[in-house]
Amino acid sequence: MRCVGRSCGLAARGDLNPRRNISSWLARWFPRTPARSVVALKTPIKVELVAGKTYRWCVCGRSKKQPFCDGSHFFQRTGLSPLKFKAQETRTVALCTCKATQRPPYCDGTHRSERVQKAEVGSPL
């Protein structure tokens, strides 16, 4: 087999499928491994949801507009995205801010657990 151009060096090193390394600016903005959610608060926030309206619940815990997203996940390069949901009816609900609920975005009482109460606000669980 005759080597032509750059492919000769790649075949000799065993790199049969050369891929460009993604350690560029793109990898900094979109990490392969997402960050973990952090505890925003240790109590839920009661909000009135309006029927038919779409909301974006903060998943990362870094938003300054808890319990809703303000885009902090993007600017802090977490790799996380908000949970988009539509209210089915107008009612007051408790939305989770400890980010440990099993029923996101709604509070399920997990914030009362010893694990959450011992955690520092702003730290991952």
PDB file of N, CA and C in Angstrom:
ATOM      1  N   MET A   1       0.836  -1.174   0.000  1.00  0.00           N
ATOM      2  CA  MET A   1       0.000   0.000   0.000  1.00  0.00           C
ATOM      3  C   MET A   1       0.878   1.232   0.000  1.00  0.00           C
ATOM      4  N   ARG A   2       0.567   2.152  -0.860  1.00  0.00           N
ATOM      5  CA  ARG A   2       1.363   3.356  -1.017  1.00  0.00           C
ATOM      6  C   ARG A   2       0.757   4.495  -0.207  1.00  0.00           C
ATOM      7  N   CYS A   3       1.562   5.216   0.547  1.00  0.00           N
ATOM      8  CA  CYS A   3       1.096   6.350   1.343  1.00  0.00           C
ATOM      9  C   CYS A   3       1.069   7.601   0.491  1.00  0.00           C
ATOM     10  N   VAL A   4       0.006   8.352   0.625  1.00  0.00           N
ATOM     11  CA  VAL A   4      -0.130   9.605  -0.112  1.00  0.00           C
ATOM     12  C   VAL A   4      -0.390  10.728   0.870  1.00  0.00           C
ATOM     13  N   GLY A   5       0.424  11.758   0.819  1.00  0.00           N
ATOM     14  CA  GLY A   5       0.217  12.954   1.636  1.00  0.00           C
ATOM     15  C   GLY A   5       0.214  12.676   3.124  1.00  0.00           C
ATOM     16  N   ARG A   6      -0.702  13.321   3.844  1.00  0.00           N
ATOM     17  CA  ARG A   6      -0.768  13.228   5.301  1.00  0.00           C
ATOM     18  C   ARG A   6      -1.267  11.872   5.783  1.00  0.00           C
ATOM     19  N   SER A   7      -2.012  11.143   4.971  1.00  0.00           N
ATOM     20  CA  SER A   7      -2.593   9.878   5.416  1.00  0.00           C
ATOM     21  C   SER A   7      -1.523   8.845   5.766  1.00  0.00           C
ATOM     22  N   CYS A   8      -0.348   8.958   5.207  1.00  0.00           N
ATOM     23  CA  CYS A   8       0.730   8.022   5.497  1.00  0.00           C
ATOM     24  C   CYS A   8       1.126   8.109   6.969  1.00  0.00           C
ATOM     25  N   GLY A   9       1.293   9.312   7.454  1.00  0.00           N
ATOM     26  CA  GLY A   9       1.665   9.504   8.859  1.00  0.00           C
ATOM     27  C   GLY A   9       0.578   9.027   9.801  1.00  0.00           C
ATOM     28  N   LEU A  10      -0.692   9.237   9.461  1.00  0.00           N
ATOM     29  CA  LEU A  10      -1.803   8.819  10.312  1.00  0.00           C
ATOM     30  C   LEU A  10      -1.892   7.303  10.384  1.00  0.00           C
ATOM     31  N   ALA A  11      -1.738   6.631   9.228  1.00  0.00           N
ATOM     32  CA  ALA A  11      -1.825   5.175   9.201  1.00  0.00           C
ATOM     33  C   ALA A  11      -0.670   4.560   9.985  1.00  0.00           C
ATOM     34  N   ALA A  12       0.481   5.169   9.907  1.00  0.00           N
ATOM     35  CA  ALA A  12       1.649   4.652  10.604  1.00  0.00           C
ATOM     36  C   ALA A  12       1.464   4.744  12.121  1.00  0.00           C
ATOM     37  N   ARG A  13       0.746   5.769  12.586  1.00  0.00           N
ATOM     38  CA  ARG A  13       0.516   5.935  14.024  1.00  0.00           C
ATOM     39  C   ARG A  13      -0.704   5.154  14.507  1.00  0.00           C
ATOM     40  N   GLY A  14      -1.488   4.589  13.620  1.00  0.00           N
ATOM     41  CA  GLY A  14      -2.674   3.852  14.010  1.00  0.00           C
ATOM     42  C   GLY A  14      -3.926   4.706  14.074  1.00  0.00           C
ATOM     43  N   ASP A  15      -3.846   5.952  13.630  1.00  0.00           N
ATOM     44  CA  ASP A  15      -5.006   6.842  13.630  1.00  0.00           C
ATOM     45  C   ASP A  15      -5.761   6.678  12.318  1.00  0.00           C
ATOM     46  N   LEU A  16      -6.542   5.621  12.197  1.00  0.00           N
ATOM     47  CA  LEU A  16      -7.253   5.370  10.957  1.00  0.00           C
ATOM     48  C   LEU A  16      -8.452   6.295  10.776  1.00  0.00           C
ATOM     49  N   ASN A  17      -8.994   6.783  11.879  1.00  0.00           N
ATOM     50  CA  ASN A  17     -10.135   7.691  11.805  1.00  0.00           C
ATOM     51  C   ASN A  17      -9.748   9.014  12.465  1.00  0.00           C
ATOM     52  N   PRO A  18      -9.023   9.848  11.756  1.00  0.00           N
ATOM     53  CA  PRO A  18      -8.561  11.094  12.381  1.00  0.00           C
ATOM     54  C   PRO A  18      -9.729  12.022  12.655  1.00  0.00           C
ATOM     55  N   ARG A  19      -9.821  12.514  13.887  1.00  0.00           N
ATOM     56  CA  ARG A  19     -10.854  13.488  14.267  1.00  0.00           C
ATOM     57  C   ARG A  19     -10.165  14.692  14.860  1.00  0.00           C
ATOM     58  N   ARG A  20     -10.720  15.800  14.574  1.00  0.00           N
ATOM     59  CA  ARG A  20     -10.173  17.031  15.124  1.00  0.00           C
ATOM     60  C   ARG A  20     -10.479  17.090  16.614  1.00  0.00           C
ATOM     61  N   ASN A  21      -9.514  17.462  17.406  1.00  0.00           N
ATOM     62  CA  ASN A  21      -9.695  17.578  18.840  1.00  0.00           C
ATOM     63  C   ASN A  21     -10.664  18.729  19.128  1.00  0.00           C
ATOM     64  N   ILE A  22     -11.652  18.472  19.982  1.00  0.00           N
ATOM     65  CA  ILE A  22     -12.650  19.500  20.260  1.00  0.00           C
ATOM     66  C   ILE A  22     -12.253  20.327  21.488  1.00  0.00           C
ATOM     67  N   SER A  23     -11.003  20.504  21.734  1.00  0.00           N
ATOM     68  CA  SER A  23     -10.587  21.320  22.870  1.00  0.00           C
ATOM     69  C   SER A  23     -10.502  22.787  22.468  1.00  0.00           C
ATOM     70  N   SER A  24     -11.371  23.185  21.603  1.00  0.00           N
ATOM     71  CA  SER A  24     -11.420  24.559  21.139  1.00  0.00           C
ATOM     72  C   SER A  24     -12.377  25.366  22.003  1.00  0.00           C
ATOM     73  N   TRP A  25     -12.726  26.533  21.549  1.00  0.00           N
ATOM     74  CA  TRP A  25     -13.677  27.388  22.266  1.00  0.00           C
ATOM     75  C   TRP A  25     -15.023  26.699  22.411  1.00  0.00           C
ATOM     76  N   LEU A  26     -15.386  25.831  21.464  1.00  0.00           N
ATOM     77  CA  LEU A  26     -16.661  25.144  21.499  1.00  0.00           C
ATOM     78  C   LEU A  26     -16.764  24.223  22.717  1.00  0.00           C
ATOM     79  N   ALA A  27     -15.703  23.518  23.025  1.00  0.00           N
ATOM     80  CA  ALA A  27     -15.697  22.605  24.166  1.00  0.00           C
ATOM     81  C   ALA A  27     -15.804  23.371  25.484  1.00  0.00           C
ATOM     82  N   ARG A  28     -15.289  24.577  25.528  1.00  0.00           N
ATOM     83  CA  ARG A  28     -15.402  25.376  26.756  1.00  0.00           C
ATOM     84  C   ARG A  28     -16.846  25.801  27.003  1.00  0.00           C
ATOM     85  N   TRP A  29     -17.592  26.095  25.945  1.00  0.00           N
ATOM     86  CA  TRP A  29     -18.976  26.536  26.087  1.00  0.00           C
ATOM     87  C   TRP A  29     -19.931  25.367  26.240  1.00  0.00           C
ATOM     88  N   PHE A  30     -19.590  24.216  25.685  1.00  0.00           N
ATOM     89  CA  PHE A  30     -20.456  23.043  25.741  1.00  0.00           C
ATOM     90  C   PHE A  30     -19.661  21.853  26.259  1.00  0.00           C
ATOM     91  N   PRO A  31     -19.479  21.768  27.577  1.00  0.00           N
ATOM     92  CA  PRO A  31     -18.672  20.682  28.135  1.00  0.00           C
ATOM     93  C   PRO A  31     -19.316  19.317  27.904  1.00  0.00           C
ATOM     94  N   ARG A  32     -18.464  18.300  27.770  1.00  0.00           N
ATOM     95  CA  ARG A  32     -18.966  16.939  27.550  1.00  0.00           C
ATOM     96  C   ARG A  32     -19.674  16.413  28.791  1.00  0.00           C
ATOM     97  N   THR A  33     -19.168  16.734  29.963  1.00  0.00           N
ATOM     98  CA  THR A  33     -19.773  16.307  31.209  1.00  0.00           C
ATOM     99  C   THR A  33     -20.442  17.509  31.864  1.00  0.00           C
ATOM    100  N   PRO A  34     -21.770  17.489  31.980  1.00  0.00           N
ATOM    101  CA  PRO A  34     -22.445  18.634  32.595  1.00  0.00           C
ATOM    102  C   PRO A  34     -22.089  18.786  34.067  1.00  0.00           C
ATOM    103  N   ALA A  35     -22.150  20.002  34.545  1.00  0.00           N
ATOM    104  CA  ALA A  35     -21.928  20.271  35.961  1.00  0.00           C
ATOM    105  C   ALA A  35     -23.099  19.712  36.752  1.00  0.00           C
ATOM    106  N   ARG A  36     -22.932  19.583  38.042  1.00  0.00           N
ATOM    107  CA  ARG A  36     -24.022  19.130  38.897  1.00  0.00           C
ATOM    108  C   ARG A  36     -24.841  20.325  39.352  1.00  0.00           C
ATOM    109  N   SER A  37     -26.119  20.100  39.593  1.00  0.00           N
ATOM    110  CA  SER A  37     -26.978  21.152  40.124  1.00  0.00           C
ATOM    111  C   SER A  37     -26.503  21.525  41.516  1.00  0.00           C
ATOM    112  N   VAL A  38     -26.692  22.781  41.877  1.00  0.00           N
ATOM    113  CA  VAL A  38     -26.335  23.230  43.219  1.00  0.00           C
ATOM    114  C   VAL A  38     -27.607  23.626  43.968  1.00  0.00           C
ATOM    115  N   VAL A  39     -27.541  23.584  45.289  1.00  0.00           N
ATOM    116  CA  VAL A  39     -28.671  23.968  46.131  1.00  0.00           C
ATOM    117  C   VAL A  39     -28.822  25.484  46.046  1.00  0.00           C
ATOM    118  N   ALA A  40     -29.956  25.941  45.524  1.00  0.00           N
ATOM    119  CA  ALA A  40     -30.203  27.387  45.433  1.00  0.00           C
ATOM    120  C   ALA A  40     -30.731  27.901  46.769  1.00  0.00           C
ATOM    121  N   LEU A  41     -31.711  27.217  47.302  1.00  0.00           N
ATOM    122  CA  LEU A  41     -32.299  27.529  48.613  1.00  0.00           C
ATOM    123  C   LEU A  41     -32.694  26.216  49.268  1.00  0.00           C
ATOM    124  N   LYS A  42     -32.984  26.253  50.558  1.00  0.00           N
ATOM    125  CA  LYS A  42     -33.363  25.032  51.260  1.00  0.00           C
ATOM    126  C   LYS A  42     -34.854  24.967  51.547  1.00  0.00           C
ATOM    127  N   THR A  43     -35.611  25.848  50.923  1.00  0.00           N
ATOM    128  CA  THR A  43     -37.069  25.833  51.037  1.00  0.00           C
ATOM    129  C   THR A  43     -37.655  26.094  49.658  1.00  0.00           C
ATOM    130  N   PRO A  44     -38.838  25.555  49.379  1.00  0.00           N
ATOM    131  CA  PRO A  44     -39.457  25.797  48.068  1.00  0.00           C
ATOM    132  C   PRO A  44     -39.991  27.228  47.977  1.00  0.00           C
ATOM    133  N   ILE A  45     -40.295  27.647  46.768  1.00  0.00           N
ATOM    134  CA  ILE A  45     -40.891  28.959  46.534  1.00  0.00           C
ATOM    135  C   ILE A  45     -42.295  28.737  45.980  1.00  0.00           C
ATOM    136  N   LYS A  46     -43.278  29.387  46.616  1.00  0.00           N
ATOM    137  CA  LYS A  46     -44.656  29.287  46.124  1.00  0.00           C
ATOM    138  C   LYS A  46     -44.870  30.345  45.057  1.00  0.00           C
ATOM    139  N   VAL A  47     -45.391  29.896  43.923  1.00  0.00           N
ATOM    140  CA  VAL A  47     -45.665  30.803  42.799  1.00  0.00           C
ATOM    141  C   VAL A  47     -47.037  30.478  42.216  1.00  0.00           C
ATOM    142  N   GLU A  48     -47.656  31.482  41.629  1.00  0.00           N
ATOM    143  CA  GLU A  48     -48.923  31.260  40.934  1.00  0.00           C
ATOM    144  C   GLU A  48     -48.618  31.024  39.468  1.00  0.00           C
ATOM    145  N   LEU A  49     -48.967  29.843  38.988  1.00  0.00           N
ATOM    146  CA  LEU A  49     -48.793  29.502  37.580  1.00  0.00           C
ATOM    147  C   LEU A  49     -50.092  29.803  36.846  1.00  0.00           C
ATOM    148  N   VAL A  50     -49.973  30.358  35.650  1.00  0.00           N
ATOM    149  CA  VAL A  50     -51.128  30.723  34.839  1.00  0.00           C
ATOM    150  C   VAL A  50     -51.338  29.650  33.774  1.00  0.00           C
ATOM    151  N   ALA A  51     -52.565  29.179  33.671  1.00  0.00           N
ATOM    152  CA  ALA A  51     -52.906  28.123  32.712  1.00  0.00           C
ATOM    153  C   ALA A  51     -52.479  28.497  31.298  1.00  0.00           C
ATOM    154  N   GLY A  52     -51.821  27.565  30.619  1.00  0.00           N
ATOM    155  CA  GLY A  52     -51.401  27.768  29.235  1.00  0.00           C
ATOM    156  C   GLY A  52     -50.067  28.472  29.075  1.00  0.00           C
ATOM    157  N   LYS A  53     -49.534  29.048  30.139  1.00  0.00           N
ATOM    158  CA  LYS A  53     -48.259  29.757  30.053  1.00  0.00           C
ATOM    159  C   LYS A  53     -47.089  28.776  30.199  1.00  0.00           C
ATOM    160  N   THR A  54     -46.029  29.016  29.437  1.00  0.00           N
ATOM    161  CA  THR A  54     -44.842  28.160  29.482  1.00  0.00           C
ATOM    162  C   THR A  54     -43.803  28.794  30.406  1.00  0.00           C
ATOM    163  N   TYR A  55     -43.207  27.967  31.240  1.00  0.00           N
ATOM    164  CA  TYR A  55     -42.202  28.405  32.210  1.00  0.00           C
ATOM    165  C   TYR A  55     -40.914  27.622  31.991  1.00  0.00           C
ATOM    166  N   ARG A  56     -39.803  28.202  32.425  1.00  0.00           N
ATOM    167  CA  ARG A  56     -38.497  27.522  32.371  1.00  0.00           C
ATOM    168  C   ARG A  56     -37.945  27.463  33.786  1.00  0.00           C
ATOM    169  N   TRP A  57     -37.999  26.260  34.387  1.00  0.00           N
ATOM    170  CA  TRP A  57     -37.539  26.047  35.750  1.00  0.00           C
ATOM    171  C   TRP A  57     -36.022  25.854  35.752  1.00  0.00           C
ATOM    172  N   CYS A  58     -35.337  26.548  36.641  1.00  0.00           N
ATOM    173  CA  CYS A  58     -33.871  26.462  36.742  1.00  0.00           C
ATOM    174  C   CYS A  58     -33.474  25.075  37.245  1.00  0.00           C
ATOM    175  N   VAL A  59     -32.664  24.378  36.476  1.00  0.00           N
ATOM    176  CA  VAL A  59     -32.166  23.056  36.844  1.00  0.00           C
ATOM    177  C   VAL A  59     -30.805  23.167  37.534  1.00  0.00           C
ATOM    178  N   CYS A  60     -30.004  24.141  37.126  1.00  0.00           N
ATOM    179  CA  CYS A  60     -28.622  24.227  37.625  1.00  0.00           C
ATOM    180  C   CYS A  60     -28.515  24.797  39.040  1.00  0.00           C
ATOM    181  N   GLY A  61     -29.497  25.608  39.459  1.00  0.00           N
ATOM    182  CA  GLY A  61     -29.461  26.202  40.794  1.00  0.00           C
ATOM    183  C   GLY A  61     -28.680  27.498  40.865  1.00  0.00           C
ATOM    184  N   ARG A  62     -28.187  27.992  39.743  1.00  0.00           N
ATOM    185  CA  ARG A  62     -27.342  29.190  39.737  1.00  0.00           C
ATOM    186  C   ARG A  62     -28.097  30.466  39.358  1.00  0.00           C
ATOM    187  N   SER A  63     -29.357  30.339  38.970  1.00  0.00           N
ATOM    188  CA  SER A  63     -30.165  31.485  38.549  1.00  0.00           C
ATOM    189  C   SER A  63     -30.389  32.459  39.700  1.00  0.00           C
ATOM    190  N   LYS A  64     -30.375  33.732  39.397  1.00  0.00           N
ATOM    191  CA  LYS A  64     -30.674  34.765  40.394  1.00  0.00           C
ATOM    192  C   LYS A  64     -32.171  35.028  40.462  1.00  0.00           C
ATOM    193  N   LYS A  65     -32.953  34.373  39.588  1.00  0.00           N
ATOM    194  CA  LYS A  65     -34.411  34.552  39.546  1.00  0.00           C
ATOM    195  C   LYS A  65     -35.111  33.255  39.942  1.00  0.00           C
ATOM    196  N   GLN A  66     -34.622  32.590  40.970  1.00  0.00           N
ATOM    197  CA  GLN A  66     -35.199  31.318  41.409  1.00  0.00           C
ATOM    198  C   GLN A  66     -36.688  31.451  41.624  1.00  0.00           C
ATOM    199  N   PRO A  67     -37.468  30.462  41.266  1.00  0.00           N
ATOM    200  CA  PRO A  67     -37.091  29.140  40.776  1.00  0.00           C
ATOM    201  C   PRO A  67     -36.963  29.076  39.257  1.00  0.00           C
ATOM    202  N   PHE A  68     -37.027  30.232  38.601  1.00  0.00           N
ATOM    203  CA  PHE A  68     -36.996  30.245  37.146  1.00  0.00           C
ATOM    204  C   PHE A  68     -35.596  30.541  36.601  1.00  0.00           C
ATOM    205  N   CYS A  69     -35.380  30.167  35.352  1.00  0.00           N
ATOM    206  CA  CYS A  69     -34.078  30.306  34.694  1.00  0.00           C
ATOM    207  C   CYS A  69     -33.819  31.749  34.265  1.00  0.00           C
ATOM    208  N   ASP A  70     -32.592  32.200  34.442  1.00  0.00           N
ATOM    209  CA  ASP A  70     -32.181  33.520  33.940  1.00  0.00           C
ATOM    210  C   ASP A  70     -31.016  33.413  32.955  1.00  0.00           C
ATOM    211  N   GLY A  71     -30.669  32.184  32.561  1.00  0.00           N
ATOM    212  CA  GLY A  71     -29.575  31.970  31.609  1.00  0.00           C
ATOM    213  C   GLY A  71     -28.217  31.743  32.247  1.00  0.00           C
ATOM    214  N   SER A  72     -28.153  31.718  33.570  1.00  0.00           N
ATOM    215  CA  SER A  72     -26.865  31.521  34.259  1.00  0.00           C
ATOM    216  C   SER A  72     -26.194  30.217  33.867  1.00  0.00           C
ATOM    217  N   HIS A  73     -26.978  29.179  33.565  1.00  0.00           N
ATOM    218  CA  HIS A  73     -26.404  27.879  33.185  1.00  0.00           C
ATOM    219  C   HIS A  73     -25.521  28.013  31.952  1.00  0.00           C
ATOM    220  N   PHE A  74     -25.888  28.899  31.058  1.00  0.00           N
ATOM    221  CA  PHE A  74     -25.122  29.078  29.825  1.00  0.00           C
ATOM    222  C   PHE A  74     -23.847  29.887  30.079  1.00  0.00           C
ATOM    223  N   PHE A  75     -23.988  30.995  30.766  1.00  0.00           N
ATOM    224  CA  PHE A  75     -22.833  31.869  30.980  1.00  0.00           C
ATOM    225  C   PHE A  75     -21.822  31.283  31.961  1.00  0.00           C
ATOM    226  N   GLN A  76     -22.276  30.381  32.819  1.00  0.00           N
ATOM    227  CA  GLN A  76     -21.348  29.715  33.734  1.00  0.00           C
ATOM    228  C   GLN A  76     -20.901  28.365  33.187  1.00  0.00           C
ATOM    229  N   ARG A  77     -21.291  28.084  31.935  1.00  0.00           N
ATOM    230  CA  ARG A  77     -20.847  26.891  31.207  1.00  0.00           C
ATOM    231  C   ARG A  77     -21.102  25.593  31.965  1.00  0.00           C
ATOM    232  N   THR A  78     -22.332  25.406  32.416  1.00  0.00           N
ATOM    233  CA  THR A  78     -22.648  24.213  33.201  1.00  0.00           C
ATOM    234  C   THR A  78     -22.957  22.992  32.348  1.00  0.00           C
ATOM    235  N   GLY A  79     -23.407  23.201  31.114  1.00  0.00           N
ATOM    236  CA  GLY A  79     -23.829  22.089  30.279  1.00  0.00           C
ATOM    237  C   GLY A  79     -25.238  21.628  30.608  1.00  0.00           C
ATOM    238  N   LEU A  80     -25.909  22.317  31.534  1.00  0.00           N
ATOM    239  CA  LEU A  80     -27.281  21.993  31.919  1.00  0.00           C
ATOM    240  C   LEU A  80     -28.251  22.913  31.195  1.00  0.00           C
ATOM    241  N   SER A  81     -29.502  22.493  31.107  1.00  0.00           N
ATOM    242  CA  SER A  81     -30.543  23.298  30.466  1.00  0.00           C
ATOM    243  C   SER A  81     -31.752  23.378  31.382  1.00  0.00           C
ATOM    244  N   PRO A  82     -32.531  24.450  31.283  1.00  0.00           N
ATOM    245  CA  PRO A  82     -33.723  24.558  32.127  1.00  0.00           C
ATOM    246  C   PRO A  82     -34.794  23.553  31.721  1.00  0.00           C
ATOM    247  N   LEU A  83     -35.685  23.260  32.650  1.00  0.00           N
ATOM    248  CA  LEU A  83     -36.814  22.375  32.381  1.00  0.00           C
ATOM    249  C   LEU A  83     -37.986  23.245  31.944  1.00  0.00           C
ATOM    250  N   LYS A  84     -38.404  23.072  30.708  1.00  0.00           N
ATOM    251  CA  LYS A  84     -39.509  23.854  30.156  1.00  0.00           C
ATOM    252  C   LYS A  84     -40.800  23.093  30.414  1.00  0.00           C
ATOM    253  N   PHE A  85     -41.789  23.788  30.990  1.00  0.00           N
ATOM    254  CA  PHE A  85     -43.074  23.148  31.241  1.00  0.00           C
ATOM    255  C   PHE A  85     -44.211  24.146  31.068  1.00  0.00           C
ATOM    256  N   LYS A  86     -45.389  23.613  30.784  1.00  0.00           N
ATOM    257  CA  LYS A  86     -46.574  24.441  30.553  1.00  0.00           C
ATOM    258  C   LYS A  86     -47.592  24.148  31.654  1.00  0.00           C
ATOM    259  N   ALA A  87     -48.084  25.210  32.284  1.00  0.00           N
ATOM    260  CA  ALA A  87     -49.080  25.058  33.344  1.00  0.00           C
ATOM    261  C   ALA A  87     -50.400  24.598  32.738  1.00  0.00           C
ATOM    262  N   GLN A  88     -50.981  23.570  33.313  1.00  0.00           N
ATOM    263  CA  GLN A  88     -52.244  23.023  32.825  1.00  0.00           C
ATOM    264  C   GLN A  88     -53.446  23.808  33.352  1.00  0.00           C
ATOM    265  N   GLU A  89     -53.276  24.373  34.549  1.00  0.00           N
ATOM    266  CA  GLU A  89     -54.342  25.165  35.156  1.00  0.00           C
ATOM    267  C   GLU A  89     -53.727  26.287  35.990  1.00  0.00           C
ATOM    268  N   THR A  90     -54.505  27.329  36.234  1.00  0.00           N
ATOM    269  CA  THR A  90     -54.033  28.428  37.066  1.00  0.00           C
ATOM    270  C   THR A  90     -54.151  27.994  38.521  1.00  0.00           C
ATOM    271  N   ARG A  91     -53.013  27.976  39.217  1.00  0.00           N
ATOM    272  CA  ARG A  91     -52.997  27.583  40.627  1.00  0.00           C
ATOM    273  C   ARG A  91     -51.662  27.954  41.263  1.00  0.00           C
ATOM    274  N   THR A  92     -51.659  27.975  42.579  1.00  0.00           N
ATOM    275  CA  THR A  92     -50.436  28.243  43.327  1.00  0.00           C
ATOM    276  C   THR A  92     -49.764  26.905  43.634  1.00  0.00           C
ATOM    277  N   VAL A  93     -48.474  26.816  43.316  1.00  0.00           N
ATOM    278  CA  VAL A  93     -47.712  25.584  43.549  1.00  0.00           C
ATOM    279  C   VAL A  93     -46.395  25.925  44.236  1.00  0.00           C
ATOM    280  N   ALA A  94     -45.797  24.926  44.873  1.00  0.00           N
ATOM    281  CA  ALA A  94     -44.471  25.081  45.474  1.00  0.00           C
ATOM    282  C   ALA A  94     -43.455  24.490  44.508  1.00  0.00           C
ATOM    283  N   LEU A  95     -42.555  25.338  44.007  1.00  0.00           N
ATOM    284  CA  LEU A  95     -41.510  24.868  43.092  1.00  0.00           C
ATOM    285  C   LEU A  95     -40.222  24.648  43.868  1.00  0.00           C
ATOM    286  N   CYS A  96     -39.543  23.579  43.538  1.00  0.00           N
ATOM    287  CA  CYS A  96     -38.325  23.167  44.230  1.00  0.00           C
ATOM    288  C   CYS A  96     -37.173  24.143  43.977  1.00  0.00           C
ATOM    289  N   THR A  97     -36.406  24.435  45.021  1.00  0.00           N
ATOM    290  CA  THR A  97     -35.191  25.236  44.860  1.00  0.00           C
ATOM    291  C   THR A  97     -33.955  24.505  45.396  1.00  0.00           C
ATOM    292  N   CYS A  98     -34.167  23.332  46.027  1.00  0.00           N
ATOM    293  CA  CYS A  98     -33.004  22.555  46.483  1.00  0.00           C
ATOM    294  C   CYS A  98     -32.443  21.717  45.349  1.00  0.00           C
ATOM    295  N   LYS A  99     -33.233  21.556  44.271  1.00  0.00           N
ATOM    296  CA  LYS A  99     -32.861  20.828  43.048  1.00  0.00           C
ATOM    297  C   LYS A  99     -32.668  19.334  43.270  1.00  0.00           C
ATOM    298  N   ALA A 100     -33.238  18.802  44.359  1.00  0.00           N
ATOM    299  CA  ALA A 100     -33.123  17.368  44.651  1.00  0.00           C
ATOM    300  C   ALA A 100     -34.465  16.650  44.537  1.00  0.00           C
ATOM    301  N   THR A 101     -35.500  17.354  44.125  1.00  0.00           N
ATOM    302  CA  THR A 101     -36.833  16.755  44.030  1.00  0.00           C
ATOM    303  C   THR A 101     -36.862  15.592  43.037  1.00  0.00           C
ATOM    304  N   GLN A 102     -37.740  14.651  43.295  1.00  0.00           N
ATOM    305  CA  GLN A 102     -37.959  13.537  42.371  1.00  0.00           C
ATOM    306  C   GLN A 102     -39.114  13.841  41.414  1.00  0.00           C
ATOM    307  N   ARG A 103     -39.758  15.014  41.596  1.00  0.00           N
ATOM    308  CA  ARG A 103     -40.873  15.430  40.750  1.00  0.00           C
ATOM    309  C   ARG A 103     -40.627  16.827  40.170  1.00  0.00           C
ATOM    310  N   PRO A 104     -39.508  17.054  39.487  1.00  0.00           N
ATOM    311  CA  PRO A 104     -39.225  18.403  38.994  1.00  0.00           C
ATOM    312  C   PRO A 104     -40.321  18.907  38.068  1.00  0.00           C
ATOM    313  N   PRO A 105     -40.694  20.152  38.153  1.00  0.00           N
ATOM    314  CA  PRO A 105     -40.128  21.243  38.946  1.00  0.00           C
ATOM    315  C   PRO A 105     -40.776  21.397  40.322  1.00  0.00           C
ATOM    316  N   TYR A 106     -41.697  20.491  40.674  1.00  0.00           N
ATOM    317  CA  TYR A 106     -42.473  20.646  41.905  1.00  0.00           C
ATOM    318  C   TYR A 106     -41.738  20.110  43.125  1.00  0.00           C
ATOM    319  N   CYS A 107     -41.964  20.762  44.253  1.00  0.00           N
ATOM    320  CA  CYS A 107     -41.356  20.331  45.511  1.00  0.00           C
ATOM    321  C   CYS A 107     -42.005  19.034  45.970  1.00  0.00           C
ATOM    322  N   ASP A 108     -41.184  18.099  46.437  1.00  0.00           N
ATOM    323  CA  ASP A 108     -41.714  16.844  46.987  1.00  0.00           C
ATOM    324  C   ASP A 108     -41.296  16.653  48.446  1.00  0.00           C
ATOM    325  N   GLY A 109     -40.740  17.705  49.046  1.00  0.00           N
ATOM    326  CA  GLY A 109     -40.337  17.642  50.453  1.00  0.00           C
ATOM    327  C   GLY A 109     -38.912  17.180  50.677  1.00  0.00           C
ATOM    328  N   THR A 110     -38.168  16.911  49.632  1.00  0.00           N
ATOM    329  CA  THR A 110     -36.780  16.440  49.768  1.00  0.00           C
ATOM    330  C   THR A 110     -35.911  17.443  50.516  1.00  0.00           C
ATOM    331  N   HIS A 111     -36.272  18.725  50.453  1.00  0.00           N
ATOM    332  CA  HIS A 111     -35.475  19.757  51.135  1.00  0.00           C
ATOM    333  C   HIS A 111     -35.428  19.549  52.647  1.00  0.00           C
ATOM    334  N   ARG A 112     -36.361  18.772  53.181  1.00  0.00           N
ATOM    335  CA  ARG A 112     -36.373  18.497  54.632  1.00  0.00           C
ATOM    336  C   ARG A 112     -35.366  17.420  55.034  1.00  0.00           C
ATOM    337  N   SER A 113     -34.810  16.723  54.046  1.00  0.00           N
ATOM    338  CA  SER A 113     -33.876  15.627  54.358  1.00  0.00           C
ATOM    339  C   SER A 113     -32.593  16.169  54.979  1.00  0.00           C
ATOM    340  N   GLU A 114     -31.950  15.328  55.746  1.00  0.00           N
ATOM    341  CA  GLU A 114     -30.704  15.710  56.414  1.00  0.00           C
ATOM    342  C   GLU A 114     -29.620  16.064  55.387  1.00  0.00           C
ATOM    343  N   ARG A 115     -29.616  15.330  54.287  1.00  0.00           N
ATOM    344  CA  ARG A 115     -28.616  15.562  53.234  1.00  0.00           C
ATOM    345  C   ARG A 115     -28.702  16.987  52.694  1.00  0.00           C
ATOM    346  N   VAL A 116     -29.919  17.468  52.421  1.00  0.00           N
ATOM    347  CA  VAL A 116     -30.093  18.818  51.888  1.00  0.00           C
ATOM    348  C   VAL A 116     -29.841  19.856  52.979  1.00  0.00           C
ATOM    349  N   GLN A 117     -30.342  19.624  54.175  1.00  0.00           N
ATOM    350  CA  GLN A 117     -30.185  20.603  55.258  1.00  0.00           C
ATOM    351  C   GLN A 117     -28.723  20.783  55.665  1.00  0.00           C
ATOM    352  N   LYS A 118     -27.899  19.750  55.514  1.00  0.00           N
ATOM    353  CA  LYS A 118     -26.472  19.861  55.841  1.00  0.00           C
ATOM    354  C   LYS A 118     -25.661  20.521  54.723  1.00  0.00           C
ATOM    355  N   ALA A 119     -26.206  20.524  53.520  1.00  0.00           N
ATOM    356  CA  ALA A 119     -25.483  21.092  52.366  1.00  0.00           C
ATOM    357  C   ALA A 119     -25.444  22.615  52.456  1.00  0.00           C
ATOM    358  N   GLU A 120     -24.390  23.178  51.943  1.00  0.00           N
ATOM    359  CA  GLU A 120     -24.258  24.632  51.854  1.00  0.00           C
ATOM    360  C   GLU A 120     -25.052  25.131  50.658  1.00  0.00           C
ATOM    361  N   VAL A 121     -25.693  26.289  50.799  1.00  0.00           N
ATOM    362  CA  VAL A 121     -26.366  26.907  49.656  1.00  0.00           C
ATOM    363  C   VAL A 121     -25.287  27.244  48.630  1.00  0.00           C
ATOM    364  N   GLY A 122     -25.521  26.873  47.377  1.00  0.00           N
ATOM    365  CA  GLY A 122     -24.539  27.111  46.318  1.00  0.00           C
ATOM    366  C   GLY A 122     -23.604  25.940  46.073  1.00  0.00           C
ATOM    367  N   SER A 123     -23.754  24.865  46.841  1.00  0.00           N
ATOM    368  CA  SER A 123     -22.900  23.692  46.646  1.00  0.00           C
ATOM    369  C   SER A 123     -23.724  22.529  46.096  1.00  0.00           C
ATOM    370  N   PRO A 124     -23.089  21.628  45.352  1.00  0.00           N
ATOM    371  CA  PRO A 124     -23.818  20.463  44.828  1.00  0.00           C
ATOM    372  C   PRO A 124     -24.126  19.470  45.933  1.00  0.00           C
ATOM    373  N   LEU A 125     -25.146  18.654  45.725  1.00  0.00           N
ATOM    374  CA  LEU A 125     -25.492  17.616  46.706  1.00  0.00           C
ATOM    375  C   LEU A 125     -24.651  16.379  46.474  1.00  0.00           C
TER     376      LEU A 125
END
